[in-house]
Amino acid sequence: MPMMQGLFQTRSIAMTDGAIVIGAGLALLLVLEIEKCIRLSLAPPIVRPRESTGQKEVV
């Protein structure tokens, strides 16, 4: 929005710079999702008693 750029004294970024920002964000997302997958695969399952029957439920 050119009007807002003048108000806040900002400039547009180049298409390549925008692609770099998006690529860096996607790379970080990928690393964090892989880390989460590994962490959850190594963690023991959580066992909670069921409220109604008293049986144990694996979450």
PDB file of N, CA and C in Angstrom:
ATOM      1  N   MET A   1       0.852  -1.166   0.000  1.00  0.00           N
ATOM      2  CA  MET A   1       0.000   0.000   0.000  1.00  0.00           C
ATOM      3  C   MET A   1       0.905   1.238   0.000  1.00  0.00           C
ATOM      4  N   PRO A   2       1.025   1.882  -1.122  1.00  0.00           N
ATOM      5  CA  PRO A   2       1.928   3.037  -1.211  1.00  0.00           C
ATOM      6  C   PRO A   2       1.625   4.139  -0.200  1.00  0.00           C
ATOM      7  N   MET A   3       0.363   4.345   0.135  1.00  0.00           N
ATOM      8  CA  MET A   3       0.029   5.391   1.099  1.00  0.00           C
ATOM      9  C   MET A   3       0.633   5.067   2.475  1.00  0.00           C
ATOM     10  N   MET A   4       0.556   3.827   2.874  1.00  0.00           N
ATOM     11  CA  MET A   4       1.094   3.418   4.167  1.00  0.00           C
ATOM     12  C   MET A   4       2.621   3.431   4.156  1.00  0.00           C
ATOM     13  N   GLN A   5       3.235   3.128   2.994  1.00  0.00           N
ATOM     14  CA  GLN A   5       4.692   3.193   2.903  1.00  0.00           C
ATOM     15  C   GLN A   5       5.178   4.613   3.136  1.00  0.00           C
ATOM     16  N   GLY A   6       4.469   5.589   2.607  1.00  0.00           N
ATOM     17  CA  GLY A   6       4.841   6.979   2.837  1.00  0.00           C
ATOM     18  C   GLY A   6       4.641   7.380   4.286  1.00  0.00           C
ATOM     19  N   LEU A   7       3.572   6.879   4.901  1.00  0.00           N
ATOM     20  CA  LEU A   7       3.277   7.207   6.287  1.00  0.00           C
ATOM     21  C   LEU A   7       4.340   6.654   7.239  1.00  0.00           C
ATOM     22  N   PHE A   8       4.758   5.405   7.006  1.00  0.00           N
ATOM     23  CA  PHE A   8       5.730   4.762   7.890  1.00  0.00           C
ATOM     24  C   PHE A   8       7.159   4.830   7.356  1.00  0.00           C
ATOM     25  N   GLN A   9       7.361   5.484   6.227  1.00  0.00           N
ATOM     26  CA  GLN A   9       8.668   5.631   5.592  1.00  0.00           C
ATOM     27  C   GLN A   9       9.333   4.280   5.355  1.00  0.00           C
ATOM     28  N   THR A  10       8.604   3.370   4.718  1.00  0.00           N
ATOM     29  CA  THR A  10       9.124   2.047   4.393  1.00  0.00           C
ATOM     30  C   THR A  10       9.293   1.937   2.886  1.00  0.00           C
ATOM     31  N   ARG A  11       9.970   0.899   2.437  1.00  0.00           N
ATOM     32  CA  ARG A  11      10.186   0.642   1.019  1.00  0.00           C
ATOM     33  C   ARG A  11       9.809  -0.802   0.702  1.00  0.00           C
ATOM     34  N   SER A  12       9.512  -1.058  -0.543  1.00  0.00           N
ATOM     35  CA  SER A  12       9.260  -2.421  -0.996  1.00  0.00           C
ATOM     36  C   SER A  12      10.577  -3.185  -1.025  1.00  0.00           C
ATOM     37  N   ILE A  13      10.479  -4.510  -0.845  1.00  0.00           N
ATOM     38  CA  ILE A  13      11.691  -5.322  -0.965  1.00  0.00           C
ATOM     39  C   ILE A  13      11.665  -6.021  -2.321  1.00  0.00           C
ATOM     40  N   ALA A  14      12.827  -6.376  -2.803  1.00  0.00           N
ATOM     41  CA  ALA A  14      12.944  -7.046  -4.094  1.00  0.00           C
ATOM     42  C   ALA A  14      12.359  -8.459  -4.009  1.00  0.00           C
ATOM     43  N   MET A  15      11.957  -8.994  -5.155  1.00  0.00           N
ATOM     44  CA  MET A  15      11.371 -10.332  -5.207  1.00  0.00           C
ATOM     45  C   MET A  15      12.359 -11.379  -4.681  1.00  0.00           C
ATOM     46  N   THR A  16      13.642 -11.225  -5.007  1.00  0.00           N
ATOM     47  CA  THR A  16      14.632 -12.201  -4.533  1.00  0.00           C
ATOM     48  C   THR A  16      14.797 -12.132  -3.016  1.00  0.00           C
ATOM     49  N   ASP A  17      14.752 -10.929  -2.458  1.00  0.00           N
ATOM     50  CA  ASP A  17      14.846 -10.807  -0.998  1.00  0.00           C
ATOM     51  C   ASP A  17      13.627 -11.438  -0.319  1.00  0.00           C
ATOM     52  N   GLY A  18      12.453 -11.259  -0.908  1.00  0.00           N
ATOM     53  CA  GLY A  18      11.246 -11.886  -0.369  1.00  0.00           C
ATOM     54  C   GLY A  18      11.332 -13.401  -0.425  1.00  0.00           C
ATOM     55  N   ALA A  19      11.885 -13.926  -1.523  1.00  0.00           N
ATOM     56  CA  ALA A  19      12.053 -15.376  -1.652  1.00  0.00           C
ATOM     57  C   ALA A  19      13.035 -15.909  -0.616  1.00  0.00           C
ATOM     58  N   ILE A  20      14.083 -15.140  -0.328  1.00  0.00           N
ATOM     59  CA  ILE A  20      15.060 -15.555   0.687  1.00  0.00           C
ATOM     60  C   ILE A  20      14.402 -15.603   2.066  1.00  0.00           C
ATOM     61  N   VAL A  21      13.593 -14.611   2.377  1.00  0.00           N
ATOM     62  CA  VAL A  21      12.907 -14.576   3.680  1.00  0.00           C
ATOM     63  C   VAL A  21      11.958 -15.761   3.810  1.00  0.00           C
ATOM     64  N   ILE A  22      11.178 -16.029   2.771  1.00  0.00           N
ATOM     65  CA  ILE A  22      10.239 -17.154   2.809  1.00  0.00           C
ATOM     66  C   ILE A  22      10.986 -18.479   2.878  1.00  0.00           C
ATOM     67  N   GLY A  23      12.076 -18.610   2.116  1.00  0.00           N
ATOM     68  CA  GLY A  23      12.871 -19.837   2.156  1.00  0.00           C
ATOM     69  C   GLY A  23      13.482 -20.081   3.526  1.00  0.00           C
ATOM     70  N   ALA A  24      13.974 -19.033   4.164  1.00  0.00           N
ATOM     71  CA  ALA A  24      14.545 -19.183   5.504  1.00  0.00           C
ATOM     72  C   ALA A  24      13.468 -19.606   6.507  1.00  0.00           C
ATOM     73  N   GLY A  25      12.286 -19.033   6.373  1.00  0.00           N
ATOM     74  CA  GLY A  25      11.190 -19.414   7.263  1.00  0.00           C
ATOM     75  C   GLY A  25      10.772 -20.860   7.071  1.00  0.00           C
ATOM     76  N   LEU A  26      10.694 -21.298   5.816  1.00  0.00           N
ATOM     77  CA  LEU A  26      10.328 -22.685   5.538  1.00  0.00           C
ATOM     78  C   LEU A  26      11.408 -23.654   6.022  1.00  0.00           C
ATOM     79  N   ALA A  27      12.681 -23.274   5.876  1.00  0.00           N
ATOM     80  CA  ALA A  27      13.771 -24.124   6.367  1.00  0.00           C
ATOM     81  C   ALA A  27      13.695 -24.277   7.881  1.00  0.00           C
ATOM     82  N   LEU A  28      13.426 -23.187   8.581  1.00  0.00           N
ATOM     83  CA  LEU A  28      13.301 -23.240  10.039  1.00  0.00           C
ATOM     84  C   LEU A  28      12.107 -24.102  10.449  1.00  0.00           C
ATOM     85  N   LEU A  29      10.998 -23.959   9.751  1.00  0.00           N
ATOM     86  CA  LEU A  29       9.818 -24.780  10.036  1.00  0.00           C
ATOM     87  C   LEU A  29      10.134 -26.259   9.856  1.00  0.00           C
ATOM     88  N   LEU A  30      10.836 -26.605   8.782  1.00  0.00           N
ATOM     89  CA  LEU A  30      11.201 -27.990   8.519  1.00  0.00           C
ATOM     90  C   LEU A  30      12.095 -28.546   9.621  1.00  0.00           C
ATOM     91  N   VAL A  31      13.091 -27.780  10.044  1.00  0.00           N
ATOM     92  CA  VAL A  31      13.990 -28.226  11.108  1.00  0.00           C
ATOM     93  C   VAL A  31      13.216 -28.449  12.409  1.00  0.00           C
ATOM     94  N   LEU A  32      12.323 -27.540  12.746  1.00  0.00           N
ATOM     95  CA  LEU A  32      11.562 -27.675  13.998  1.00  0.00           C
ATOM     96  C   LEU A  32      10.597 -28.851  13.948  1.00  0.00           C
ATOM     97  N   GLU A  33       9.992 -29.109  12.805  1.00  0.00           N
ATOM     98  CA  GLU A  33       9.074 -30.246  12.686  1.00  0.00           C
ATOM     99  C   GLU A  33       9.828 -31.574  12.762  1.00  0.00           C
ATOM    100  N   ILE A  34      11.018 -31.641  12.183  1.00  0.00           N
ATOM    101  CA  ILE A  34      11.837 -32.855  12.293  1.00  0.00           C
ATOM    102  C   ILE A  34      12.256 -33.074  13.737  1.00  0.00           C
ATOM    103  N   GLU A  35      12.651 -31.994  14.415  1.00  0.00           N
ATOM    104  CA  GLU A  35      13.037 -32.095  15.825  1.00  0.00           C
ATOM    105  C   GLU A  35      11.867 -32.583  16.671  1.00  0.00           C
ATOM    106  N   LYS A  36      10.668 -32.081  16.404  1.00  0.00           N
ATOM    107  CA  LYS A  36       9.489 -32.492  17.160  1.00  0.00           C
ATOM    108  C   LYS A  36       9.179 -33.967  16.915  1.00  0.00           C
ATOM    109  N   CYS A  37       9.303 -34.401  15.673  1.00  0.00           N
ATOM    110  CA  CYS A  37       9.036 -35.797  15.329  1.00  0.00           C
ATOM    111  C   CYS A  37      10.011 -36.726  16.052  1.00  0.00           C
ATOM    112  N   ILE A  38      11.282 -36.371  16.068  1.00  0.00           N
ATOM    113  CA  ILE A  38      12.290 -37.179  16.755  1.00  0.00           C
ATOM    114  C   ILE A  38      12.025 -37.196  18.255  1.00  0.00           C
ATOM    115  N   ARG A  39      11.727 -36.025  18.819  1.00  0.00           N
ATOM    116  CA  ARG A  39      11.481 -35.931  20.261  1.00  0.00           C
ATOM    117  C   ARG A  39      10.281 -36.775  20.676  1.00  0.00           C
ATOM    118  N   LEU A  40       9.209 -36.732  19.893  1.00  0.00           N
ATOM    119  CA  LEU A  40       8.013 -37.496  20.240  1.00  0.00           C
ATOM    120  C   LEU A  40       8.218 -39.000  20.035  1.00  0.00           C
ATOM    121  N   SER A  41       9.057 -39.374  19.086  1.00  0.00           N
ATOM    122  CA  SER A  41       9.291 -40.801  18.868  1.00  0.00           C
ATOM    123  C   SER A  41      10.157 -41.393  19.977  1.00  0.00           C
ATOM    124  N   LEU A  42      10.968 -40.585  20.642  1.00  0.00           N
ATOM    125  CA  LEU A  42      11.827 -41.066  21.720  1.00  0.00           C
ATOM    126  C   LEU A  42      11.159 -41.006  23.089  1.00  0.00           C
ATOM    127  N   ALA A  43      10.092 -40.250  23.226  1.00  0.00           N
ATOM    128  CA  ALA A  43       9.423 -40.082  24.521  1.00  0.00           C
ATOM    129  C   ALA A  43       8.556 -41.302  24.836  1.00  0.00           C
ATOM    130  N   PRO A  44       8.511 -41.709  26.100  1.00  0.00           N
ATOM    131  CA  PRO A  44       7.627 -42.814  26.468  1.00  0.00           C
ATOM    132  C   PRO A  44       6.165 -42.366  26.378  1.00  0.00           C
ATOM    133  N   PRO A  45       5.252 -43.305  26.094  1.00  0.00           N
ATOM    134  CA  PRO A  45       3.840 -42.916  26.010  1.00  0.00           C
ATOM    135  C   PRO A  45       3.301 -42.477  27.367  1.00  0.00           C
ATOM    136  N   ILE A  46       2.373 -41.556  27.346  1.00  0.00           N
ATOM    137  CA  ILE A  46       1.746 -41.054  28.569  1.00  0.00           C
ATOM    138  C   ILE A  46       0.541 -41.936  28.876  1.00  0.00           C
ATOM    139  N   VAL A  47       0.480 -42.445  30.100  1.00  0.00           N
ATOM    140  CA  VAL A  47      -0.636 -43.303  30.502  1.00  0.00           C
ATOM    141  C   VAL A  47      -1.458 -42.554  31.538  1.00  0.00           C
ATOM    142  N   ARG A  48      -2.747 -42.373  31.235  1.00  0.00           N
ATOM    143  CA  ARG A  48      -3.666 -41.699  32.158  1.00  0.00           C
ATOM    144  C   ARG A  48      -4.860 -42.617  32.434  1.00  0.00           C
ATOM    145  N   PRO A  49      -5.362 -42.618  33.663  1.00  0.00           N
ATOM    146  CA  PRO A  49      -6.566 -43.418  33.929  1.00  0.00           C
ATOM    147  C   PRO A  49      -7.784 -42.767  33.277  1.00  0.00           C
ATOM    148  N   ARG A  50      -8.676 -43.626  32.749  1.00  0.00           N
ATOM    149  CA  ARG A  50      -9.918 -43.100  32.187  1.00  0.00           C
ATOM    150  C   ARG A  50     -10.848 -42.713  33.328  1.00  0.00           C
ATOM    151  N   GLU A  51     -11.589 -41.652  33.120  1.00  0.00           N
ATOM    152  CA  GLU A  51     -12.434 -41.140  34.192  1.00  0.00           C
ATOM    153  C   GLU A  51     -13.642 -42.027  34.470  1.00  0.00           C
ATOM    154  N   SER A  52     -14.277 -42.558  33.418  1.00  0.00           N
ATOM    155  CA  SER A  52     -15.543 -43.272  33.615  1.00  0.00           C
ATOM    156  C   SER A  52     -15.348 -44.725  34.022  1.00  0.00           C
ATOM    157  N   THR A  53     -14.365 -45.445  33.477  1.00  0.00           N
ATOM    158  CA  THR A  53     -14.248 -46.888  33.714  1.00  0.00           C
ATOM    159  C   THR A  53     -13.103 -47.249  34.649  1.00  0.00           C
ATOM    160  N   GLY A  54     -12.195 -46.342  34.892  1.00  0.00           N
ATOM    161  CA  GLY A  54     -11.055 -46.652  35.731  1.00  0.00           C
ATOM    162  C   GLY A  54      -9.949 -47.383  34.985  1.00  0.00           C
ATOM    163  N   GLN A  55     -10.154 -47.685  33.696  1.00  0.00           N
ATOM    164  CA  GLN A  55      -9.121 -48.341  32.885  1.00  0.00           C
ATOM    165  C   GLN A  55      -8.056 -47.331  32.503  1.00  0.00           C
ATOM    166  N   LYS A  56      -6.894 -47.844  32.184  1.00  0.00           N
ATOM    167  CA  LYS A  56      -5.811 -46.957  31.766  1.00  0.00           C
ATOM    168  C   LYS A  56      -5.868 -46.717  30.272  1.00  0.00           C
ATOM    169  N   GLU A  57      -5.575 -45.509  29.878  1.00  0.00           N
ATOM    170  CA  GLU A  57      -5.621 -45.104  28.479  1.00  0.00           C
ATOM    171  C   GLU A  57      -4.242 -44.623  28.081  1.00  0.00           C
ATOM    172  N   VAL A  58      -3.725 -45.117  26.962  1.00  0.00           N
ATOM    173  CA  VAL A  58      -2.433 -44.665  26.442  1.00  0.00           C
ATOM    174  C   VAL A  58      -2.706 -43.523  25.497  1.00  0.00           C
ATOM    175  N   VAL A  59      -2.069 -42.373  25.758  1.00  0.00           N
ATOM    176  CA  VAL A  59      -2.276 -41.184  24.933  1.00  0.00           C
ATOM    177  C   VAL A  59      -1.138 -41.043  23.971  1.00  0.00           C
TER     178      VAL A  59
END
